[in-house]
Protein backbone atom coordinates (compact mmCIF):
# COMPACT_ATOMS: atom_id res chain seq x y z
CA UNK A 1 0.00 0.00 0.00
CA UNK A 2 1.16 3.56 -0.67
CA UNK A 3 -0.30 7.04 -0.59
CA UNK A 4 0.36 8.37 -4.10
CA UNK A 5 -2.80 7.86 -6.13
CA UNK A 6 -3.06 6.92 -9.78
CA UNK A 7 -5.90 6.08 -12.13
CA UNK A 8 -7.15 2.54 -11.49
CA UNK A 9 -6.14 2.49 -7.83
CA UNK A 10 -8.62 1.77 -5.06
CA UNK A 11 -8.51 3.77 -1.84
CA UNK A 12 -9.56 2.01 1.37
CA UNK A 13 -9.92 3.56 4.80
CA UNK A 14 -7.77 1.72 7.34
CA UNK A 15 -9.48 3.28 10.39
CA UNK A 16 -13.09 2.91 11.53
CA UNK A 17 -13.32 0.12 8.99
CA UNK A 18 -17.00 -0.49 9.85
CA UNK A 19 -17.75 2.59 7.71
CA UNK A 20 -16.92 0.52 4.61
CA UNK A 21 -15.11 3.50 3.04
CA UNK A 22 -13.85 2.32 -0.36
CA UNK A 23 -13.29 4.61 -3.34
CA UNK A 24 -12.23 3.52 -6.85
CA UNK A 25 -10.04 6.18 -8.43
CA UNK A 26 -11.19 7.44 -11.81
CA UNK A 27 -10.89 10.65 -13.80
CA UNK A 28 -8.15 13.25 -13.32
CA UNK A 29 -6.02 12.31 -10.31
CA UNK A 30 -2.84 14.19 -11.18
CA UNK A 31 -0.76 14.75 -8.02
CA UNK A 32 -3.47 13.34 -5.73
CA UNK A 33 -2.08 12.04 -2.44
CA UNK A 34 -4.17 10.54 0.37
CA UNK A 35 -3.52 11.23 4.04
CA UNK A 36 -2.69 8.83 6.85
CA UNK A 37 -5.65 6.60 7.61
CA UNK A 38 -6.06 5.43 4.01
CA UNK A 39 -4.36 2.72 1.99
CA UNK A 40 -3.94 2.92 -1.77
CA UNK A 41 -4.27 -0.49 -3.42
CA UNK A 42 -2.81 -0.79 -6.90
CA UNK A 43 -4.09 -3.87 -8.80
CA UNK A 44 -1.49 -6.04 -10.52
CA UNK A 45 -2.37 -8.81 -12.98
CA UNK A 46 -6.06 -8.15 -12.33
CA UNK A 47 -8.59 -5.87 -14.02
CA UNK A 48 -8.69 -2.58 -12.08
CA UNK A 49 -12.47 -2.22 -12.39
CA UNK A 50 -13.09 -5.79 -11.23
CA UNK A 51 -10.76 -5.28 -8.29
CA UNK A 52 -12.54 -2.08 -7.25
CA UNK A 53 -15.86 -3.96 -7.25
CA UNK A 54 -14.28 -6.79 -5.27
CA UNK A 55 -13.10 -4.25 -2.67
CA UNK A 56 -16.72 -3.11 -2.27
CA UNK A 57 -18.10 -6.62 -1.79
CA UNK A 58 -19.31 -7.93 1.56
CA UNK A 59 -16.67 -10.65 1.44
CA UNK A 60 -13.81 -8.13 1.27
CA UNK A 61 -15.36 -5.85 3.91
CA UNK A 62 -15.86 -8.81 6.25
CA UNK A 63 -12.22 -9.81 5.83
CA UNK A 64 -11.16 -6.23 6.62
CA UNK A 65 -13.36 -6.20 9.72
CA UNK A 66 -12.11 -9.56 10.93
CA UNK A 67 -8.50 -8.37 10.81
CA UNK A 68 -9.15 -4.94 12.31
CA UNK A 69 -7.97 -4.16 15.83
CA UNK A 70 -9.76 -1.91 18.33
CA UNK A 71 -13.29 -1.40 19.60
CA UNK A 72 -14.28 2.27 19.25
CA UNK A 73 -12.03 2.92 16.24
CA UNK A 74 -11.21 -0.45 14.66
CA UNK A 75 -8.26 -0.20 12.27
CA UNK A 76 -6.28 -2.47 10.00
CA UNK A 77 -2.61 -2.28 9.13
CA UNK A 78 -2.04 -1.36 5.47
CA UNK A 79 0.30 -4.35 5.06
CA UNK A 80 -2.39 -6.72 6.36
CA UNK A 81 -4.87 -5.10 4.01
CA UNK A 82 -2.62 -5.87 1.04
CA UNK A 83 -2.46 -9.54 2.03
CA UNK A 84 -6.21 -10.17 1.93
CA UNK A 85 -7.26 -12.95 -0.47
CA UNK A 86 -8.94 -11.97 -3.74
CA UNK A 87 -10.87 -14.22 -6.13
CA UNK A 88 -9.24 -13.83 -9.57
CA UNK A 89 -11.33 -15.27 -12.43
CA UNK A 90 -9.96 -15.29 -15.98
CA UNK A 91 -9.54 -11.84 -17.62
CA UNK A 92 -12.63 -12.12 -19.82
CA UNK A 93 -14.83 -12.93 -16.84
CA UNK A 94 -13.34 -10.05 -14.86
CA UNK A 95 -14.20 -7.58 -17.62
CA UNK A 96 -17.70 -9.02 -18.07
CA UNK A 97 -18.41 -8.77 -14.33
CA UNK A 98 -17.10 -5.19 -14.21
CA UNK A 99 -19.23 -4.23 -17.25
CA UNK A 100 -22.31 -5.82 -15.68
CA UNK A 101 -21.81 -4.07 -12.34
CA UNK A 102 -21.08 -0.72 -13.98
CA UNK A 103 -24.45 -0.93 -15.74
CA UNK A 104 -26.52 -2.57 -13.00
CA UNK A 105 -25.36 -0.32 -10.16
CA UNK A 106 -25.83 2.78 -12.32
CA UNK A 107 -29.45 1.73 -12.82
CA UNK A 108 -29.94 1.15 -9.08
CA UNK A 109 -28.23 4.45 -8.24
CA UNK A 110 -30.58 6.23 -10.63
CA UNK A 111 -33.59 4.72 -8.85
CA UNK A 112 -32.18 5.77 -5.46
CA UNK A 113 -31.64 9.32 -6.74
CA UNK A 114 -35.25 9.48 -7.95
CA UNK A 115 -36.53 8.21 -4.59
CA UNK A 116 -34.51 10.83 -2.74
CA UNK A 117 -35.77 13.49 -5.13
CA UNK A 118 -39.31 12.37 -4.30
CA UNK A 119 -38.59 12.93 -0.60
CA UNK A 120 -37.28 16.42 -1.38
CA UNK A 121 -40.42 17.21 -3.37
CA UNK A 122 -42.64 16.01 -0.52
CA UNK A 123 -40.76 18.22 1.94
CA UNK A 124 -41.02 21.22 -0.38
CA UNK A 125 -44.74 20.66 -0.91
CA UNK A 126 -45.31 20.55 2.84
CA UNK A 127 -43.22 23.67 3.43
CA UNK A 128 -45.26 25.49 0.78
CA UNK A 129 -48.41 24.41 2.63
CA UNK A 130 -46.96 25.84 5.86
CA UNK A 131 -46.21 29.21 4.22
CA UNK A 132 -49.73 29.26 2.80
CA UNK A 133 -51.38 28.37 6.11
CA UNK A 134 -49.56 30.73 8.47
CA UNK A 135 -50.53 33.66 6.23
CA UNK A 136 -54.20 32.63 6.53
CA UNK A 137 -54.44 32.40 2.77
CA UNK A 138 -57.61 30.28 2.88
CA UNK A 139 -59.33 32.37 5.56
CA UNK A 140 -62.51 34.11 4.32
CA UNK A 141 -63.12 37.82 4.83
CA UNK A 142 -61.15 41.03 4.36
CA UNK A 143 -57.37 41.11 4.34
CA UNK A 144 -54.74 43.72 5.08
CA UNK A 145 -51.02 44.03 4.58
CA UNK A 146 -49.16 42.61 7.55
CA UNK A 147 -46.39 45.19 7.45
CA UNK A 148 -43.93 42.30 7.23
CA UNK A 149 -42.41 41.95 3.77
CA UNK A 150 -41.98 38.18 3.73
CA UNK A 151 -45.47 37.56 5.10
CA UNK A 152 -47.54 39.78 2.82
CA UNK A 153 -51.29 40.04 3.39
CA UNK A 154 -53.07 38.41 6.34
CA UNK A 155 -56.69 38.31 7.48
CA UNK A 156 -57.69 41.75 8.74
CA UNK A 157 -58.51 40.50 12.26
CA UNK A 158 -55.09 38.89 12.80
CA UNK A 159 -52.39 40.60 14.81
CA UNK A 160 -48.75 40.69 13.72
CA UNK A 161 -46.92 41.48 16.97
CA UNK A 162 -43.28 41.27 17.94
CA UNK A 163 -42.54 37.79 19.22
CA UNK A 164 -41.51 39.30 22.55
CA UNK A 165 -45.02 40.65 23.09
CA UNK A 166 -46.42 37.16 23.68
CA UNK A 167 -43.37 34.98 24.38
CA UNK A 168 -40.35 35.05 26.67
CA UNK A 169 -37.01 33.73 25.41
CA UNK A 170 -34.05 32.22 27.24
CA UNK A 171 -30.67 31.07 25.96
CA UNK A 172 -29.18 27.94 27.54
CA UNK A 173 -25.96 27.27 29.43
CA UNK A 174 -22.58 27.80 27.80
CA UNK A 175 -20.35 24.74 27.50
CA UNK A 176 -16.83 25.28 28.85
CA UNK A 177 -14.11 23.21 30.51
CA UNK A 178 -15.52 23.84 33.98
CA UNK A 179 -19.03 22.79 32.96
CA UNK A 180 -17.73 19.72 31.12
CA UNK A 181 -15.96 18.47 34.24
CA UNK A 182 -18.41 19.65 36.91
CA UNK A 183 -19.88 17.27 39.50
CA UNK A 184 -23.61 17.51 38.66
CA UNK A 185 -23.79 16.07 35.17
CA UNK A 186 -27.09 16.26 33.28
CA UNK A 187 -28.04 15.68 29.67
CA UNK A 188 -28.61 18.72 27.50
CA UNK A 189 -29.82 19.60 24.01
CA UNK A 190 -27.35 20.83 21.42
CA UNK A 191 -28.13 22.49 18.12
CA UNK A 192 -27.88 19.16 16.31
CA UNK A 193 -30.45 17.56 18.61
CA UNK A 194 -33.12 20.03 17.48
CA UNK A 195 -34.48 19.27 14.01
CA UNK A 196 -37.65 20.55 12.39
CA UNK A 197 -40.52 19.39 14.58
CA UNK A 198 -38.54 16.56 16.16
CA UNK A 199 -35.70 15.87 18.55
CA UNK A 200 -32.84 13.44 17.93
CA UNK A 201 -32.06 12.21 21.43
CA UNK A 202 -29.82 9.18 20.80
CA UNK A 203 -26.57 11.12 21.35
CA UNK A 204 -27.33 13.56 24.17
CA UNK A 205 -24.19 15.04 25.72
CA UNK A 206 -23.86 15.90 29.42
CA UNK A 207 -22.33 18.72 31.44
CA UNK A 208 -22.60 20.30 34.88
CA UNK A 209 -25.89 22.00 35.71
CA UNK A 210 -26.00 23.40 39.24
CA UNK A 211 -29.29 24.27 40.98
CA UNK A 212 -29.39 27.78 39.49
CA UNK A 213 -28.58 26.42 36.00
CA UNK A 214 -31.33 23.84 36.29
CA UNK A 215 -33.87 26.43 37.36
CA UNK A 216 -32.92 28.70 34.46
CA UNK A 217 -32.60 25.98 31.79
CA UNK A 218 -35.47 23.71 32.80
CA UNK A 219 -37.73 22.38 30.08
CA UNK A 220 -41.43 21.69 30.28
CA UNK A 221 -43.97 20.34 27.86
CA UNK A 222 -44.80 22.67 24.95
CA UNK A 223 -41.64 24.77 25.28
CA UNK A 224 -40.36 25.72 21.84
CA UNK A 225 -36.63 25.16 21.28
CA UNK A 226 -35.14 27.34 18.53
CA UNK A 227 -31.64 27.05 17.02
CA UNK A 228 -29.56 30.19 17.46
CA UNK A 229 -26.99 29.18 14.82
CA UNK A 230 -26.45 26.54 12.14
CA UNK A 231 -29.78 26.31 10.35
CA UNK A 232 -30.98 29.45 12.08
CA UNK A 233 -34.55 29.30 13.36
CA UNK A 234 -34.90 25.51 13.16
CA UNK A 235 -37.34 24.61 15.90
CA UNK A 236 -39.27 21.85 17.65
CA UNK A 237 -41.76 21.71 20.52
CA UNK A 238 -40.54 19.83 23.59
CA UNK A 239 -42.77 16.80 24.34
CA UNK A 240 -42.13 16.92 28.09
CA UNK A 241 -39.83 13.92 28.32
CA UNK A 242 -37.33 12.55 29.02
CA UNK A 243 -37.01 14.31 32.36
CA UNK A 244 -33.98 16.23 33.62
CA UNK A 245 -32.86 17.38 30.17
CA UNK A 246 -31.62 20.96 29.80
CA UNK A 247 -30.27 23.00 26.89
CA UNK A 248 -27.07 24.63 25.67
CA UNK A 249 -26.47 28.30 24.85
CA UNK A 250 -26.83 27.57 21.11
CA UNK A 251 -30.59 27.15 21.68
CA UNK A 252 -33.38 29.52 22.66
CA UNK A 253 -36.21 28.32 24.85
CA UNK A 254 -39.41 30.14 23.83
CA UNK A 255 -42.33 30.04 26.26
CA UNK A 256 -45.69 31.88 26.14
CA UNK A 257 -46.02 34.80 28.58
CA UNK A 258 -49.74 34.14 29.01
CA UNK A 259 -51.39 32.16 26.21
CA UNK A 260 -49.89 31.08 22.92
CA UNK A 261 -49.64 28.05 20.68
CA UNK A 262 -45.96 27.12 20.36
CA UNK A 263 -46.69 24.69 17.54
CA UNK A 264 -48.21 27.53 15.52
CA UNK A 265 -45.12 29.65 16.24
CA UNK A 266 -42.90 26.73 15.18
CA UNK A 267 -44.68 26.66 11.82
CA UNK A 268 -44.19 30.43 11.52
CA UNK A 269 -40.45 29.94 12.08
CA UNK A 270 -40.37 27.19 9.47
CA UNK A 271 -42.00 29.49 6.91
CA UNK A 272 -39.63 32.34 7.77
CA UNK A 273 -36.56 30.10 7.54
CA UNK A 274 -37.74 28.75 4.18
CA UNK A 275 -38.10 32.31 2.88
CA UNK A 276 -34.52 33.12 4.03
CA UNK A 277 -35.73 35.68 6.57
CA UNK A 278 -32.93 34.84 9.03
CA UNK A 279 -30.21 34.28 6.42
CA UNK A 280 -30.42 37.87 5.09
CA UNK A 281 -29.55 39.18 8.54
CA UNK A 282 -25.95 38.11 7.96
CA UNK A 283 -23.56 38.73 5.09
CA UNK A 284 -20.86 36.87 3.23
CA UNK A 285 -18.22 37.65 5.88
CA UNK A 286 -20.23 36.81 9.00
CA UNK A 287 -21.96 33.74 10.38
CA UNK A 288 -25.65 34.30 10.97
CA UNK A 289 -26.77 34.04 14.59
CA UNK A 290 -30.25 34.62 15.92
CA UNK A 291 -29.65 36.50 19.15
CA UNK A 292 -32.33 36.70 21.79
CA UNK A 293 -32.90 40.36 20.96
CA UNK A 294 -33.31 39.64 17.25
CA UNK A 295 -35.66 36.75 17.92
CA UNK A 296 -37.89 38.85 20.18
CA UNK A 297 -38.00 41.63 17.57
CA UNK A 298 -39.19 39.40 14.73
CA UNK A 299 -42.84 39.80 13.86
CA UNK A 300 -45.08 36.82 13.17
CA UNK A 301 -48.81 36.40 12.56
CA UNK A 302 -50.91 35.93 15.70
CA UNK A 303 -54.47 34.81 14.91
CA UNK A 304 -56.98 34.23 17.70
CA UNK A 305 -55.94 31.15 19.68
CA UNK A 306 -58.80 28.99 18.36
CA UNK A 307 -57.70 29.74 14.79
CA UNK A 308 -54.08 28.97 15.68
CA UNK A 309 -55.24 25.59 17.00
CA UNK A 310 -57.22 24.81 13.84
CA UNK A 311 -54.29 25.70 11.59
CA UNK A 312 -51.99 23.51 13.69
CA UNK A 313 -54.42 20.58 13.50
CA UNK A 314 -54.54 20.85 9.70
CA UNK A 315 -50.76 21.17 9.32
CA UNK A 316 -50.08 18.35 11.77
CA UNK A 317 -52.34 16.08 9.72
CA UNK A 318 -50.39 16.94 6.56
CA UNK A 319 -47.11 16.44 8.44
CA UNK A 320 -48.21 12.98 9.61
CA UNK A 321 -49.09 12.02 6.04
CA UNK A 322 -45.73 13.33 4.84
CA UNK A 323 -43.87 11.30 7.45
CA UNK A 324 -45.71 8.11 6.58
CA UNK A 325 -44.96 8.54 2.89
CA UNK A 326 -41.37 9.57 3.53
CA UNK A 327 -40.86 6.53 5.75
CA UNK A 328 -42.09 4.24 2.96
CA UNK A 329 -39.81 5.86 0.38
CA UNK A 330 -36.81 5.69 2.71
CA UNK A 331 -37.53 2.02 3.31
CA UNK A 332 -37.50 1.54 -0.47
CA UNK A 333 -34.15 3.34 -0.65
CA UNK A 334 -32.79 1.03 2.03
CA UNK A 335 -33.95 -2.04 0.12
CA UNK A 336 -32.37 -0.73 -3.08
CA UNK A 337 -29.06 -0.21 -1.25
CA UNK A 338 -29.23 -3.75 0.12
CA UNK A 339 -29.97 -5.09 -3.37
CA UNK A 340 -27.05 -3.11 -4.80
CA UNK A 341 -24.65 -4.51 -2.22
CA UNK A 342 -25.93 -8.06 -2.63
CA UNK A 343 -25.57 -7.79 -6.41
CA UNK A 344 -21.95 -6.64 -6.11
CA UNK A 345 -21.07 -9.48 -3.76
CA UNK A 346 -22.85 -12.16 -5.79
CA UNK A 347 -21.26 -10.99 -9.04
CA UNK A 348 -17.64 -10.87 -7.88
CA UNK A 349 -17.83 -14.14 -5.96
CA UNK A 350 -19.32 -16.03 -8.92
CA UNK A 351 -22.67 -16.69 -7.25
CA UNK A 352 -24.44 -14.68 -9.96
CA UNK A 353 -24.27 -15.87 -13.55
CA UNK A 354 -23.08 -12.94 -15.68
CA UNK A 355 -23.72 -13.01 -19.44
CA UNK A 356 -20.38 -13.23 -21.25
CA UNK A 357 -18.51 -14.29 -18.11
CA UNK A 358 -18.51 -18.03 -18.77
CA UNK A 359 -15.12 -19.67 -19.12
């Protein structure tokens, strides 16, 4: 193995081998050199395309895994990698198998791309429905201009107040070395844990939250958590559990002062983010951040509470339908990926009869 890359080589990651990171080199690779952590395998007396497919087969990956050392970051020595056994059929069969897999996997990849495009279209259709709904576009009766450029006209009886008129905001606790090592460790939400209308809680981090921190950063059901950076404005409504979870400074907690529907406000934020309302507050030389002051100053539609509830019910129903359909399409993508991998393995190991590959 070596690190200078040439056309026809295959690059294999030698660390965290469970990631199955294998890349066949094609196209312009002039002066390309890979860093430590990768091995460059140069095929000799074997068709380069066939070898690259072999390196992506389950059989090869299993051999790599079996000879890897380590638990959290399993790795294989580049020398050991070069000594793995490879099935070498006659040259004509190698070329026929490579031709077959080039064509078959391209077809499967095209289907996967179309499925993913379908998911994108579903998401865009739902977001358009959100923009339409939070402006009260289907509400009967007179309308007036909201005074907010991105929102346009709204029903005449709706208010368009500053967010701070009806909601209080609170940033979470800053992570630092002292907090990371403190004695009272509790789980907390980071920016990445807050997605649109859902929380990803499988990888919650922990840091010190003293009694005052816990009082200030406590979460209760129906609190709205809003991302201060990253995808600015991304938000989800806290379901009330698990218990004893707090939040980092990269997140705003938004809570009604008296009465307010945080799910309706979440949909307002989704519409505003889609229309780039928060992005235009930065420029090419700065990273956009939604400070507490900026968030409180933003204006959003505020229909009567019963109308907010009805709009939320309608949008939630559409969201549930979107998630069911998206789940089905993603399952189809998963099956296509499994079929692709099984086809590669069967072809290179001779389990699949390939036209033109007979001896």
